Each structure stands twice: as structure tokens, then as C-alpha cells.
N, C-alpha and C. Protein backbone atom coordinates (compact mmCIF):
# COMPACT_ATOMS: atom_id res chain seq x y z
N UNK A 1 28.15 -75.22 -31.30
CA UNK A 1 28.65 -74.86 -30.00
C UNK A 1 29.15 -73.41 -29.99
N UNK A 2 28.75 -72.66 -29.00
CA UNK A 2 29.19 -71.27 -28.91
C UNK A 2 30.54 -71.20 -28.19
N UNK A 3 31.47 -70.41 -28.74
CA UNK A 3 32.78 -70.29 -28.09
C UNK A 3 32.66 -69.50 -26.79
N UNK A 4 33.57 -69.74 -25.84
CA UNK A 4 33.49 -69.04 -24.56
C UNK A 4 33.89 -67.58 -24.68
N UNK A 5 33.37 -66.77 -23.76
CA UNK A 5 33.73 -65.36 -23.69
C UNK A 5 35.24 -65.26 -23.49
N UNK A 6 35.87 -64.36 -24.24
CA UNK A 6 37.31 -64.17 -24.15
C UNK A 6 38.11 -64.94 -25.18
N UNK A 7 37.45 -65.86 -25.90
CA UNK A 7 38.16 -66.66 -26.91
C UNK A 7 38.43 -65.81 -28.15
N UNK A 8 39.56 -66.07 -28.79
CA UNK A 8 39.89 -65.44 -30.07
C UNK A 8 39.36 -66.34 -31.17
N UNK A 9 38.56 -65.76 -32.06
CA UNK A 9 37.93 -66.54 -33.11
C UNK A 9 38.03 -65.83 -34.45
N UNK A 10 37.77 -66.58 -35.50
CA UNK A 10 37.70 -66.02 -36.85
C UNK A 10 36.25 -66.14 -37.31
N UNK A 11 35.68 -65.03 -37.73
CA UNK A 11 34.36 -65.02 -38.35
C UNK A 11 34.60 -65.34 -39.82
N UNK A 12 34.35 -66.58 -40.23
CA UNK A 12 34.66 -66.98 -41.60
C UNK A 12 33.74 -66.33 -42.62
N UNK A 13 32.65 -65.75 -42.17
CA UNK A 13 31.77 -65.02 -43.08
C UNK A 13 32.38 -63.71 -43.53
N UNK A 14 33.20 -63.09 -42.66
CA UNK A 14 33.83 -61.81 -42.99
C UNK A 14 35.36 -61.90 -43.00
N UNK A 15 35.91 -63.03 -42.55
CA UNK A 15 37.36 -63.24 -42.43
C UNK A 15 38.00 -62.28 -41.43
N UNK A 16 37.24 -61.85 -40.44
CA UNK A 16 37.75 -60.95 -39.40
C UNK A 16 38.04 -61.76 -38.14
N UNK A 17 39.10 -61.35 -37.43
CA UNK A 17 39.44 -61.96 -36.15
C UNK A 17 38.81 -61.11 -35.06
N UNK A 18 38.18 -61.79 -34.11
CA UNK A 18 37.54 -61.07 -33.02
C UNK A 18 37.68 -61.81 -31.71
N UNK A 19 37.37 -61.08 -30.65
CA UNK A 19 37.35 -61.64 -29.31
C UNK A 19 35.89 -61.78 -28.91
N UNK A 20 35.51 -62.93 -28.41
CA UNK A 20 34.12 -63.17 -28.01
C UNK A 20 33.82 -62.33 -26.78
N UNK A 21 32.82 -61.46 -26.91
CA UNK A 21 32.41 -60.58 -25.82
C UNK A 21 31.15 -61.08 -25.12
N UNK A 22 30.39 -61.91 -25.81
CA UNK A 22 29.17 -62.42 -25.22
C UNK A 22 28.34 -63.16 -26.24
N UNK A 23 27.15 -63.54 -25.79
CA UNK A 23 26.19 -64.25 -26.65
C UNK A 23 24.85 -63.56 -26.48
N UNK A 24 24.24 -63.21 -27.59
CA UNK A 24 22.94 -62.54 -27.55
C UNK A 24 22.03 -63.27 -28.53
N UNK A 25 21.01 -63.91 -27.99
CA UNK A 25 20.12 -64.69 -28.84
C UNK A 25 20.93 -65.77 -29.54
N UNK A 26 20.73 -65.91 -30.85
CA UNK A 26 21.46 -66.96 -31.57
C UNK A 26 22.86 -66.54 -32.01
N UNK A 27 23.29 -65.32 -31.67
CA UNK A 27 24.55 -64.79 -32.19
C UNK A 27 25.67 -64.77 -31.17
N UNK A 28 26.89 -64.74 -31.69
CA UNK A 28 28.09 -64.53 -30.90
C UNK A 28 28.49 -63.07 -31.13
N UNK A 29 28.72 -62.34 -30.05
CA UNK A 29 29.13 -60.94 -30.17
C UNK A 29 30.65 -60.87 -30.14
N UNK A 30 31.22 -60.26 -31.19
CA UNK A 30 32.67 -60.19 -31.35
C UNK A 30 33.13 -58.74 -31.37
N UNK A 31 34.34 -58.53 -30.88
CA UNK A 31 34.98 -57.21 -30.93
C UNK A 31 36.35 -57.40 -31.59
N UNK A 32 36.74 -56.47 -32.45
CA UNK A 32 38.05 -56.60 -33.11
C UNK A 32 39.20 -56.58 -32.10
N UNK A 33 40.30 -57.19 -32.46
CA UNK A 33 41.50 -57.16 -31.63
C UNK A 33 41.89 -55.70 -31.44
N UNK A 34 42.15 -55.28 -30.23
CA UNK A 34 42.53 -53.90 -29.94
C UNK A 34 41.35 -52.98 -29.70
N UNK A 35 40.14 -53.51 -29.78
CA UNK A 35 38.94 -52.70 -29.53
C UNK A 35 38.25 -52.28 -30.80
N UNK A 36 37.17 -51.60 -30.64
CA UNK A 36 36.39 -51.15 -31.79
C UNK A 36 34.95 -51.60 -31.67
N UNK A 37 34.23 -51.40 -32.73
CA UNK A 37 32.80 -51.69 -32.76
C UNK A 37 32.55 -53.19 -32.82
N UNK A 38 31.68 -53.65 -31.93
CA UNK A 38 31.32 -55.07 -31.92
C UNK A 38 30.44 -55.41 -33.12
N UNK A 39 30.46 -56.68 -33.47
CA UNK A 39 29.55 -57.17 -34.49
C UNK A 39 29.02 -58.53 -34.07
N UNK A 40 27.89 -58.91 -34.64
CA UNK A 40 27.27 -60.20 -34.35
C UNK A 40 27.65 -61.18 -35.45
N UNK A 41 27.95 -62.40 -35.03
CA UNK A 41 28.29 -63.46 -35.98
C UNK A 41 27.46 -64.70 -35.68
N UNK A 42 27.14 -65.41 -36.71
CA UNK A 42 26.46 -66.70 -36.58
C UNK A 42 27.47 -67.70 -36.02
N UNK A 43 27.15 -68.40 -34.94
CA UNK A 43 28.11 -69.35 -34.38
C UNK A 43 28.52 -70.46 -35.36
N UNK A 44 27.70 -70.70 -36.38
CA UNK A 44 28.03 -71.73 -37.37
C UNK A 44 29.21 -71.34 -38.25
N UNK A 45 29.52 -70.03 -38.35
CA UNK A 45 30.62 -69.58 -39.22
C UNK A 45 31.82 -69.07 -38.41
N UNK A 46 31.83 -69.35 -37.12
CA UNK A 46 32.92 -68.93 -36.25
C UNK A 46 33.79 -70.14 -35.91
N UNK A 47 35.11 -69.94 -35.98
CA UNK A 47 36.04 -71.00 -35.58
C UNK A 47 37.14 -70.38 -34.74
N UNK A 48 37.82 -71.23 -33.97
CA UNK A 48 38.91 -70.76 -33.13
C UNK A 48 40.04 -70.23 -33.99
N UNK A 49 40.62 -69.09 -33.60
CA UNK A 49 41.76 -68.52 -34.32
C UNK A 49 43.02 -69.30 -34.00
N UNK A 50 43.87 -69.45 -34.99
CA UNK A 50 45.16 -70.11 -34.77
C UNK A 50 46.11 -69.13 -34.10
N UNK A 51 47.21 -69.64 -33.59
CA UNK A 51 48.22 -68.78 -32.98
C UNK A 51 48.75 -67.79 -34.02
N UNK A 52 48.97 -68.24 -35.24
CA UNK A 52 49.46 -67.36 -36.31
C UNK A 52 48.46 -66.25 -36.61
N UNK A 53 47.18 -66.57 -36.62
CA UNK A 53 46.16 -65.55 -36.87
C UNK A 53 46.10 -64.53 -35.74
N UNK A 54 46.24 -64.99 -34.51
CA UNK A 54 46.25 -64.07 -33.38
C UNK A 54 47.47 -63.15 -33.45
N UNK A 55 48.62 -63.70 -33.80
CA UNK A 55 49.83 -62.90 -33.91
C UNK A 55 49.70 -61.88 -35.04
N UNK A 56 49.13 -62.28 -36.15
CA UNK A 56 48.93 -61.36 -37.27
C UNK A 56 48.03 -60.20 -36.87
N UNK A 57 46.95 -60.49 -36.12
CA UNK A 57 46.04 -59.44 -35.67
C UNK A 57 46.75 -58.49 -34.70
N UNK A 58 47.55 -59.04 -33.79
CA UNK A 58 48.29 -58.22 -32.83
C UNK A 58 49.31 -57.33 -33.54
N UNK A 59 49.98 -57.87 -34.53
CA UNK A 59 50.97 -57.11 -35.28
C UNK A 59 50.31 -55.99 -36.08
N UNK A 60 49.19 -56.30 -36.72
CA UNK A 60 48.47 -55.28 -37.49
C UNK A 60 48.01 -54.14 -36.58
N UNK A 61 47.53 -54.49 -35.39
CA UNK A 61 47.09 -53.47 -34.45
C UNK A 61 48.27 -52.62 -33.98
N UNK A 62 49.39 -53.25 -33.64
CA UNK A 62 50.57 -52.51 -33.19
C UNK A 62 51.09 -51.58 -34.29
N UNK A 63 51.09 -52.04 -35.52
CA UNK A 63 51.53 -51.20 -36.64
C UNK A 63 50.59 -50.01 -36.84
N UNK A 64 49.29 -50.25 -36.75
CA UNK A 64 48.32 -49.16 -36.90
C UNK A 64 48.50 -48.12 -35.80
N UNK A 65 48.73 -48.58 -34.57
CA UNK A 65 48.97 -47.65 -33.44
C UNK A 65 50.21 -46.83 -33.67
N UNK A 66 51.27 -47.45 -34.18
CA UNK A 66 52.52 -46.71 -34.39
C UNK A 66 52.38 -45.66 -35.49
N UNK A 67 51.45 -45.88 -36.40
CA UNK A 67 51.17 -44.91 -37.46
C UNK A 67 50.15 -43.86 -37.04
N UNK A 68 49.61 -44.01 -35.82
CA UNK A 68 48.63 -43.05 -35.31
C UNK A 68 47.23 -43.25 -35.87
N UNK A 69 46.96 -44.44 -36.39
CA UNK A 69 45.65 -44.72 -37.00
C UNK A 69 44.60 -45.13 -35.98
N UNK A 70 45.04 -45.53 -34.79
CA UNK A 70 44.10 -45.89 -33.73
C UNK A 70 44.55 -45.22 -32.44
N UNK A 71 43.62 -44.86 -31.57
CA UNK A 71 44.00 -44.20 -30.33
C UNK A 71 44.72 -45.11 -29.37
């Protein structure tokens, strides 16, 4: 089953948290929390992110912004 657009998921193949941006062919298109380059993931290795995982991604992004590492 493909997750809905806007869902926060974990790509277990890469251990990255992403937001579902769409579906193209057999893949789920994901974008990192806070923006960045999209990547394609196999829907078989994608699972819903937990609240703790979403919070960790948000905190990492906020810390990177405060250090000037992201625009």
C-alpha cells in the first residue's frame, strides 16, 4: 500500500525520514523534513514515522538552521 501524499514516513532502506510528495510509477517520492532533494523509495521499505521520529527530524532541522547549515 502506498502512503498518502503529505504523510511522514521512514525509508527503511536508507533510514531517512521523508514527507510523501507523490507517487511515480512503482515508487514513492519523498522529500526530507525541511526541504531538499527528493528521492524515490520502494513502497515495500517505507513505513509510517512515529511521533518520536518526526520530533527528532524537526529538532535536527531546527538545530541545523540555527547553525546556518540550511537556508
